[in-house]
Protein backbone atom coordinates (compact mmCIF):
# COMPACT_ATOMS: atom_id res chain seq x y z
CA UNK A 1 20.85 -43.24 -3.41
CA UNK A 2 21.20 -44.33 0.15
CA UNK A 3 23.35 -46.91 1.53
CA UNK A 4 23.07 -48.00 5.28
CA UNK A 5 26.64 -48.79 6.31
CA UNK A 6 25.82 -49.45 10.15
CA UNK A 7 22.84 -49.52 12.76
CA UNK A 8 23.28 -49.04 16.53
CA UNK A 9 19.84 -49.73 17.90
CA UNK A 10 18.00 -47.31 15.84
CA UNK A 11 20.75 -44.91 15.05
CA UNK A 12 21.96 -45.21 11.25
CA UNK A 13 25.23 -44.47 9.63
CA UNK A 14 25.47 -44.59 5.96
CA UNK A 15 26.00 -42.44 2.64
CA UNK A 16 23.85 -40.94 0.22
CA UNK A 17 25.01 -40.75 -3.46
CA UNK A 18 23.81 -37.54 -5.31
CA UNK A 19 24.62 -36.29 -8.72
CA UNK A 20 27.31 -34.01 -7.15
CA UNK A 21 28.89 -36.73 -4.91
CA UNK A 22 28.83 -38.66 -1.77
CA UNK A 23 27.44 -37.22 1.50
CA UNK A 24 28.01 -39.10 4.82
CA UNK A 25 25.15 -39.55 7.03
CA UNK A 26 23.74 -38.45 9.58
CA UNK A 27 24.40 -34.89 8.50
CA UNK A 28 23.37 -31.24 8.97
CA UNK A 29 22.85 -28.71 6.12
CA UNK A 30 23.97 -25.24 6.54
CA UNK A 31 21.18 -23.00 5.15
CA UNK A 32 21.92 -20.81 1.84
CA UNK A 33 18.38 -19.81 1.43
CA UNK A 34 19.11 -17.16 -1.22
CA UNK A 35 22.24 -19.12 -2.83
CA UNK A 36 24.71 -17.59 -0.11
CA UNK A 37 25.71 -18.52 3.42
CA UNK A 38 25.49 -15.18 5.17
CA UNK A 39 28.83 -13.76 5.75
CA UNK A 40 30.61 -16.91 4.63
CA UNK A 41 32.12 -18.51 1.25
CA UNK A 42 31.38 -21.79 0.23
CA UNK A 43 35.14 -23.00 0.52
CA UNK A 44 35.11 -21.85 4.31
CA UNK A 45 31.95 -24.27 4.64
CA UNK A 46 33.47 -27.04 2.79
CA UNK A 47 36.89 -26.82 4.87
CA UNK A 48 34.67 -27.36 7.90
CA UNK A 49 33.68 -30.69 6.34
CA UNK A 50 30.19 -29.70 5.01
CA UNK A 51 29.14 -31.64 1.87
CA UNK A 52 25.73 -30.54 1.27
CA UNK A 53 23.71 -27.20 1.71
CA UNK A 54 20.27 -26.13 1.63
CA UNK A 55 18.61 -23.31 -0.42
CA UNK A 56 15.19 -21.99 -0.94
CA UNK A 57 13.06 -22.57 -3.92
CA UNK A 58 10.79 -19.85 -3.19
CA UNK A 59 13.31 -17.18 -2.89
CA UNK A 60 15.38 -18.21 -5.89
CA UNK A 61 12.46 -18.38 -8.12
CA UNK A 62 11.26 -14.83 -7.51
CA UNK A 63 14.72 -13.53 -7.32
CA UNK A 64 16.79 -13.83 -9.37
CA UNK A 65 14.76 -16.53 -11.17
CA UNK A 66 15.36 -20.00 -12.02
CA UNK A 67 15.84 -19.34 -15.75
CA UNK A 68 18.49 -17.02 -15.16
CA UNK A 69 20.05 -19.40 -12.87
CA UNK A 70 19.73 -22.18 -15.51
CA UNK A 71 21.30 -19.92 -18.02
CA UNK A 72 24.35 -19.52 -15.61
CA UNK A 73 25.11 -23.11 -15.50
CA UNK A 74 22.84 -24.09 -12.48
CA UNK A 75 22.84 -22.99 -8.93
CA UNK A 76 26.17 -24.80 -8.23
CA UNK A 77 27.86 -22.82 -10.63
CA UNK A 78 26.00 -19.47 -9.85
CA UNK A 79 27.20 -19.71 -6.15
CA UNK A 80 30.42 -21.36 -6.60
CA UNK A 81 29.61 -24.63 -4.74
CA UNK A 82 30.60 -27.89 -6.00
CA UNK A 83 29.10 -30.06 -3.32
CA UNK A 84 25.72 -31.21 -3.22
CA UNK A 85 22.45 -28.83 -2.78
CA UNK A 86 18.95 -29.60 -1.50
CA UNK A 87 16.33 -27.04 -2.31
CA UNK A 88 13.08 -27.15 -0.36
CA UNK A 89 9.86 -26.70 -2.46
CA UNK A 90 9.04 -22.94 -1.37
CA UNK A 91 5.49 -24.14 -0.10
CA UNK A 92 6.43 -23.17 3.58
CA UNK A 93 7.41 -19.60 2.42
CA UNK A 94 4.27 -19.07 0.28
CA UNK A 95 2.10 -19.52 3.71
CA UNK A 96 4.57 -17.92 6.21
CA UNK A 97 5.34 -14.91 4.23
CA UNK A 98 1.67 -14.34 3.35
CA UNK A 99 1.20 -12.13 6.38
CA UNK A 100 3.84 -9.70 5.25
CA UNK A 101 2.15 -9.17 1.84
CA UNK A 102 -1.05 -8.49 4.11
CA UNK A 103 0.73 -5.90 5.86
CA UNK A 104 2.32 -4.20 2.90
CA UNK A 105 -0.31 -4.50 0.27
CA UNK A 106 -3.71 -5.13 2.35
CA UNK A 107 -4.09 -8.73 0.56
CA UNK A 108 -2.17 -12.07 1.43
CA UNK A 109 -3.43 -13.60 -1.76
CA UNK A 110 -2.73 -17.05 -0.53
CA UNK A 111 -5.43 -19.26 -2.25
CA UNK A 112 -5.18 -22.93 -2.13
CA UNK A 113 -6.65 -25.53 -4.53
CA UNK A 114 -5.91 -29.05 -5.65
CA UNK A 115 -3.99 -27.31 -8.77
CA UNK A 116 -1.62 -25.29 -6.64
CA UNK A 117 -1.38 -22.36 -4.65
CA UNK A 118 -1.92 -18.53 -5.56
CA UNK A 119 0.13 -15.95 -3.73
CA UNK A 120 1.40 -12.49 -3.37
CA UNK A 121 5.12 -11.63 -3.42
CA UNK A 122 5.61 -9.71 -0.02
CA UNK A 123 8.24 -7.50 -1.53
CA UNK A 124 6.65 -6.07 -4.65
CA UNK A 125 2.96 -7.16 -4.60
CA UNK A 126 3.15 -9.39 -7.62
CA UNK A 127 0.87 -12.17 -7.99
CA UNK A 128 2.31 -15.56 -8.50
CA UNK A 129 0.98 -19.37 -8.95
CA UNK A 130 2.72 -22.28 -7.69
CA UNK A 131 1.79 -25.84 -8.62
CA UNK A 132 3.54 -29.05 -7.72
CA UNK A 133 4.66 -29.42 -11.37
CA UNK A 134 6.04 -25.86 -11.48
CA UNK A 135 7.88 -26.53 -7.88
CA UNK A 136 9.75 -29.49 -9.39
CA UNK A 137 10.54 -27.79 -12.65
CA UNK A 138 11.95 -24.73 -10.76
CA UNK A 139 14.25 -27.18 -8.89
CA UNK A 140 15.20 -29.01 -12.21
CA UNK A 141 16.03 -25.76 -13.52
CA UNK A 142 18.12 -24.66 -10.54
CA UNK A 143 20.00 -27.85 -10.90
CA UNK A 144 19.60 -29.08 -7.43
CA UNK A 145 20.68 -32.54 -6.19
CA UNK A 146 17.61 -33.17 -3.83
CA UNK A 147 14.27 -32.00 -4.92
CA UNK A 148 11.56 -31.70 -2.39
CA UNK A 149 7.82 -31.88 -3.21
CA UNK A 150 5.35 -29.27 -2.86
CA UNK A 151 3.33 -29.63 0.21
CA UNK A 152 1.09 -27.96 2.72
CA UNK A 153 2.33 -27.33 5.93
CA UNK A 154 -0.55 -26.47 8.55
CA UNK A 155 0.19 -24.09 11.33
CA UNK A 156 0.07 -24.84 14.83
CA UNK A 157 -2.28 -24.94 16.46
CA UNK A 158 -4.74 -26.34 14.16
CA UNK A 159 -8.04 -28.28 14.06
CA UNK A 160 -7.93 -31.88 13.18
CA UNK A 161 -9.96 -31.27 10.20
CA UNK A 162 -7.37 -28.56 8.94
CA UNK A 163 -4.67 -31.06 9.38
CA UNK A 164 -6.48 -33.65 7.68
CA UNK A 165 -7.18 -31.16 4.62
CA UNK A 166 -3.58 -30.25 4.47
CA UNK A 167 -2.78 -33.98 4.61
CA UNK A 168 -4.88 -34.91 1.62
CA UNK A 169 -3.84 -32.08 -0.48
CA UNK A 170 0.03 -32.74 0.36
CA UNK A 171 -0.62 -36.38 -0.99
CA UNK A 172 -2.45 -35.01 -3.97
CA UNK A 173 0.59 -32.66 -4.88
CA UNK A 174 3.10 -35.41 -3.84
CA UNK A 175 1.64 -37.62 -6.59
CA UNK A 176 1.58 -35.03 -9.09
CA UNK A 177 5.27 -34.10 -8.38
CA UNK A 178 6.44 -37.83 -8.74
CA UNK A 179 4.60 -38.06 -12.15
CA UNK A 180 6.05 -34.97 -13.40
CA UNK A 181 9.52 -35.61 -12.01
CA UNK A 182 9.46 -39.11 -13.47
CA UNK A 183 8.41 -37.82 -17.02
CA UNK A 184 11.26 -34.97 -17.13
CA UNK A 185 14.05 -37.13 -15.74
CA UNK A 186 13.15 -40.53 -17.65
CA UNK A 187 16.06 -40.03 -20.12
CA UNK A 188 18.59 -39.05 -17.55
CA UNK A 189 21.23 -41.45 -16.58
CA UNK A 190 21.34 -42.62 -12.99
CA UNK A 191 24.39 -40.43 -12.24
CA UNK A 192 22.89 -37.38 -13.80
CA UNK A 193 19.26 -37.78 -12.06
CA UNK A 194 18.44 -35.69 -8.93
CA UNK A 195 16.68 -37.38 -6.20
CA UNK A 196 13.00 -36.65 -5.06
CA UNK A 197 11.82 -36.65 -1.60
CA UNK A 198 8.20 -36.85 -0.47
CA UNK A 199 6.93 -35.03 2.91
CA UNK A 200 5.08 -36.42 5.62
CA UNK A 201 2.31 -33.94 7.28
CA UNK A 202 -0.48 -34.35 10.01
CA UNK A 203 0.55 -31.91 12.58
CA UNK A 204 0.36 -33.29 15.97
CA UNK A 205 -2.31 -36.02 15.25
CA UNK A 206 -1.19 -39.54 15.65
CA UNK A 207 -3.57 -41.13 13.30
CA UNK A 208 -2.84 -38.41 10.71
CA UNK A 209 0.92 -38.54 11.05
CA UNK A 210 0.60 -42.37 10.33
CA UNK A 211 -1.82 -42.16 7.51
CA UNK A 212 0.53 -39.60 5.86
CA UNK A 213 3.35 -41.58 6.03
CA UNK A 214 1.49 -44.56 4.48
CA UNK A 215 0.48 -42.64 1.76
CA UNK A 216 3.53 -40.77 0.86
CA UNK A 217 5.60 -43.99 1.13
CA UNK A 218 2.98 -45.85 -1.19
CA UNK A 219 3.79 -43.08 -3.88
CA UNK A 220 7.71 -44.08 -3.66
CA UNK A 221 10.52 -41.52 -3.26
CA UNK A 222 14.07 -41.53 -2.97
CA UNK A 223 13.78 -40.12 0.65
CA UNK A 224 11.19 -39.16 3.11
CA UNK A 225 11.10 -35.83 5.04
CA UNK A 226 8.93 -35.16 8.09
CA UNK A 227 7.61 -31.55 7.71
CA UNK A 228 5.48 -29.57 10.22
CA UNK A 229 7.66 -29.90 13.45
CA UNK A 230 9.00 -26.46 13.46
CA UNK A 231 5.85 -24.35 13.20
CA UNK A 232 5.39 -23.47 16.81
CA UNK A 233 4.35 -26.67 18.37
CA UNK A 234 5.81 -27.71 21.71
CA UNK A 235 8.88 -29.11 21.59
CA UNK A 236 8.13 -32.24 23.68
CA UNK A 237 5.86 -33.18 20.56
CA UNK A 238 8.91 -34.06 18.47
CA UNK A 239 9.72 -37.48 20.11
CA UNK A 240 6.07 -38.44 19.82
CA UNK A 241 5.86 -37.50 16.08
CA UNK A 242 9.10 -39.34 15.21
CA UNK A 243 7.99 -42.58 17.17
CA UNK A 244 4.81 -42.32 15.14
CA UNK A 245 6.26 -41.86 11.90
CA UNK A 246 9.67 -43.45 11.55
CA UNK A 247 8.37 -47.26 11.87
CA UNK A 248 6.45 -46.63 8.53
CA UNK A 249 9.61 -45.34 6.70
CA UNK A 250 11.78 -47.63 4.66
CA UNK A 251 15.03 -48.67 6.27
CA UNK A 252 16.61 -48.23 2.78
CA UNK A 253 15.70 -44.70 2.42
CA UNK A 254 17.19 -41.62 3.85
CA UNK A 255 14.94 -39.68 6.50
CA UNK A 256 14.93 -35.89 6.80
CA UNK A 257 13.54 -33.91 9.69
CA UNK A 258 12.74 -30.44 8.42
CA UNK A 259 13.73 -27.09 9.99
CA UNK A 260 15.28 -28.44 13.42
CA UNK A 261 17.04 -28.00 15.34
CA UNK A 262 18.73 -27.52 18.62
CA UNK A 263 21.85 -29.60 19.37
CA UNK A 264 19.96 -31.90 21.97
CA UNK A 265 17.14 -32.41 19.27
CA UNK A 266 19.54 -33.49 16.87
CA UNK A 267 20.99 -36.11 19.18
CA UNK A 268 17.51 -37.38 20.03
CA UNK A 269 16.49 -37.65 16.51
CA UNK A 270 19.47 -39.33 15.25
CA UNK A 271 19.04 -41.84 18.32
CA UNK A 272 15.58 -42.39 16.85
CA UNK A 273 16.93 -43.04 13.20
CA UNK A 274 16.82 -39.74 11.51
CA UNK A 275 19.52 -38.81 8.80
CA UNK A 276 19.15 -35.24 7.69
CA UNK A 277 18.72 -32.02 9.19
CA UNK A 278 18.77 -28.28 8.44
CA UNK A 279 18.33 -25.15 10.59
CA UNK A 280 19.12 -21.40 10.68
CA UNK A 281 20.19 -21.63 14.32
CA UNK A 282 23.77 -21.92 14.12
CA UNK A 283 24.36 -19.05 11.72
CA UNK A 284 21.39 -16.80 12.97
CA UNK A 285 22.36 -17.16 16.46
CA UNK A 286 25.96 -16.75 15.83
CA UNK A 287 25.14 -13.38 13.94
CA UNK A 288 23.43 -12.11 17.20
CA UNK A 289 26.34 -12.95 19.32
CA UNK A 290 25.36 -16.28 20.62
CA UNK A 291 27.92 -18.83 20.70
CA UNK A 292 27.63 -22.49 21.39
CA UNK A 293 30.50 -24.11 23.40
CA UNK A 294 31.07 -27.69 24.71
CA UNK A 295 30.35 -28.40 28.43
CA UNK A 296 33.29 -30.00 30.27
CA UNK A 297 33.49 -32.37 33.18
CA UNK A 298 35.62 -32.05 36.48
CA UNK A 299 38.52 -33.30 34.42
CA UNK A 300 38.00 -30.94 31.48
CA UNK A 301 36.62 -33.56 29.08
CA UNK A 302 33.69 -32.84 26.78
CA UNK A 303 30.59 -34.32 28.35
CA UNK A 304 28.88 -37.10 26.76
CA UNK A 305 25.99 -36.34 24.20
CA UNK A 306 22.45 -36.76 25.41
CA UNK A 307 19.07 -35.57 24.46
CA UNK A 308 19.26 -33.25 27.25
CA UNK A 309 21.01 -29.73 26.81
CA UNK A 310 23.76 -30.25 29.28
CA UNK A 311 26.31 -31.21 27.07
CA UNK A 312 26.75 -27.78 25.53
CA UNK A 313 26.19 -24.20 26.64
CA UNK A 314 25.80 -21.00 24.90
CA UNK A 315 27.29 -17.79 25.96
CA UNK A 316 26.02 -14.37 24.96
CA UNK A 317 29.22 -12.75 23.97
CA UNK A 318 27.83 -9.35 24.27
CA UNK A 319 27.88 -9.71 27.96
CA UNK A 320 29.82 -7.14 29.81
CA UNK A 321 31.73 -9.89 31.72
CA UNK A 322 33.50 -10.77 28.75
CA UNK A 323 35.13 -7.44 27.97
CA UNK A 324 38.51 -8.34 29.53
CA UNK A 325 38.17 -11.99 28.90
CA UNK A 326 41.07 -12.87 27.07
CA UNK A 327 40.51 -16.55 26.90
CA UNK A 328 39.35 -18.34 23.73
CA UNK A 329 35.65 -19.04 23.22
CA UNK A 330 36.22 -22.74 23.27
CA UNK A 331 39.44 -24.68 24.02
CA UNK A 332 37.60 -27.64 22.35
CA UNK A 333 36.98 -25.92 19.02
CA UNK A 334 39.26 -25.41 16.10
CA UNK A 335 37.48 -22.71 14.06
CA UNK A 336 39.24 -19.54 13.28
CA UNK A 337 37.71 -17.86 16.01
CA UNK A 338 38.85 -19.98 18.50
CA UNK A 339 42.14 -20.55 16.96
CA UNK A 340 43.02 -16.75 16.62
CA UNK A 341 41.18 -14.59 18.86
CA UNK A 342 39.93 -14.09 22.32
CA UNK A 343 36.44 -13.54 23.84
CA UNK A 344 37.13 -10.03 24.58
CA UNK A 345 37.92 -9.32 20.60
CA UNK A 346 34.85 -10.96 19.35
CA UNK A 347 32.88 -9.05 21.94
CA UNK A 348 34.68 -5.77 20.99
CA UNK A 349 33.68 -6.54 17.27
CA UNK A 350 29.96 -7.03 18.06
CA UNK A 351 30.14 -3.59 20.12
CA UNK A 352 31.27 -1.70 17.34
CA UNK A 353 28.95 -3.49 14.88
CA UNK A 354 31.91 -4.92 12.86
CA UNK A 355 30.78 -7.26 10.24
CA UNK A 356 33.71 -9.52 10.71
CA UNK A 357 32.02 -10.56 14.07
CA UNK A 358 29.17 -12.27 12.30
CA UNK A 359 31.52 -13.90 10.02
CA UNK A 360 33.66 -15.47 12.79
CA UNK A 361 30.60 -16.37 15.14
CA UNK A 362 28.99 -18.15 12.19
CA UNK A 363 31.96 -20.21 11.49
CA UNK A 364 32.24 -20.93 15.31
CA UNK A 365 28.83 -22.26 15.81
CA UNK A 366 28.83 -24.11 12.12
CA UNK A 367 32.00 -25.75 13.28
CA UNK A 368 30.41 -26.74 16.60
CA UNK A 369 27.43 -28.33 14.76
CA UNK A 370 29.67 -30.21 12.32
CA UNK A 371 31.62 -31.50 15.38
CA UNK A 372 28.52 -32.60 16.71
CA UNK A 373 27.60 -34.47 13.79
CA UNK A 374 30.95 -36.20 13.79
CA UNK A 375 30.57 -37.57 17.25
CA UNK A 376 27.14 -38.88 16.23
CA UNK A 377 28.87 -40.49 13.19
CA UNK A 378 31.12 -42.77 15.27
CA UNK A 379 30.82 -46.25 14.68
CA UNK A 380 31.13 -49.32 17.07
CA UNK A 381 34.27 -50.30 15.07
CA UNK A 382 36.10 -46.95 15.76
C-alpha cells in the first residue's frame, strides 16, 4: 500500500509496500519486457538502486507461457530478481502488434467485444483470446507485485466517439478485473497479496478524461494509472491531461504515468503529483549510442532540474568527433562506463559492433535516470 511521507506543493514523496518489499517514490521502472533487461543482469540494476522493474504480460503469456513461469516458482525466481515487479496487462501490445500480424499473415484478427479481445500472434499466426479475467489470472500466475487491469488504449488521433467507446469498455473491463481479482485473492494475507491498478483513458478530450477518472476511482483500486499518453499525441498535451486527471485521483493512492518519458517530462510530471514512470528510452537509446549527460553551469555544477530539456544533454557517441576524445562521458556520473572508460573507447566499441557497447551505454543511461529520480526525491528536510 502507499504511504505519503511528504508533499511539496503538488510533488509527493512516499513509499509503496508490495509483497516483495518497499519501493520509494517517485520512481522510474526499467523495462524487462520479456523477463530480461536487455544486456543487463538484475544485480546490476539493483546496484544502481532500482527496486522495481516492469515486465509485459502479453509477451510472457505467449512465450514461454504463464503456466511455465508459475511452475518455475514465479517470475521473480524465473528471472532471478528479488525486487518488486509490475506487469502491464498486455492490452496495448494486442492492438499495437496487430499490424505486424496483418503484414505477415494477411489478417490482423483484433476483434473487440465486451467479453475481451481476439487477436493473432504476429510471430506464428496463432489465434488467442484475452479477457479481463484472463489478464488478471496470467499476472497472478506470473506472481507479479503490481497487476494492471486490461484496458483499451485508443490510437492518436481518434474521434471523440472512438475515445468514448474505448473509455466505456475500459470501465467495463476494470470492473470485471476487480471482481475477479477480489475473488482470487480473498484468502491471501495482506503481505502476500499483489496490488491492482486501474487505468484512466479518454484520449485528448478533457470531459472524457475526467469522466474516466471518476469511473475508475469509483471502482476502487490500490493505485491509478494514466494511459494513452504515449501513443503519438503531441507532447504539449501531457501537461493538460495531467491537470485534468490528477485532481480526481485519491491523495492516498499511487499515480502511475504509463510509457513516459523524457527526463523533462518526468520532472514536469513529478511536479504535478505523479509517482511512477516507465519507459524504454534510457536502455533503447543507450543501445543505439545515444547517451544522457548532465548539463553544467559556468562553475561546472549541474544545472537545476526543470520542465525544459536544458538540465541535460544527449551525445551521439558514434560521431567522429569522439574518436580521439579521451575524457569520460560524464564527470558527474558514477556508472561503470564513466568510472572506467573514455568516450573514445565506447565509440570504438559501437564502431566495431561489440555487444559490450550496448551494455555499458544502457548502464550509463539507467544510472542517469536513477540519479534524476534521486534528485526529485529530495525533501525539504534534507
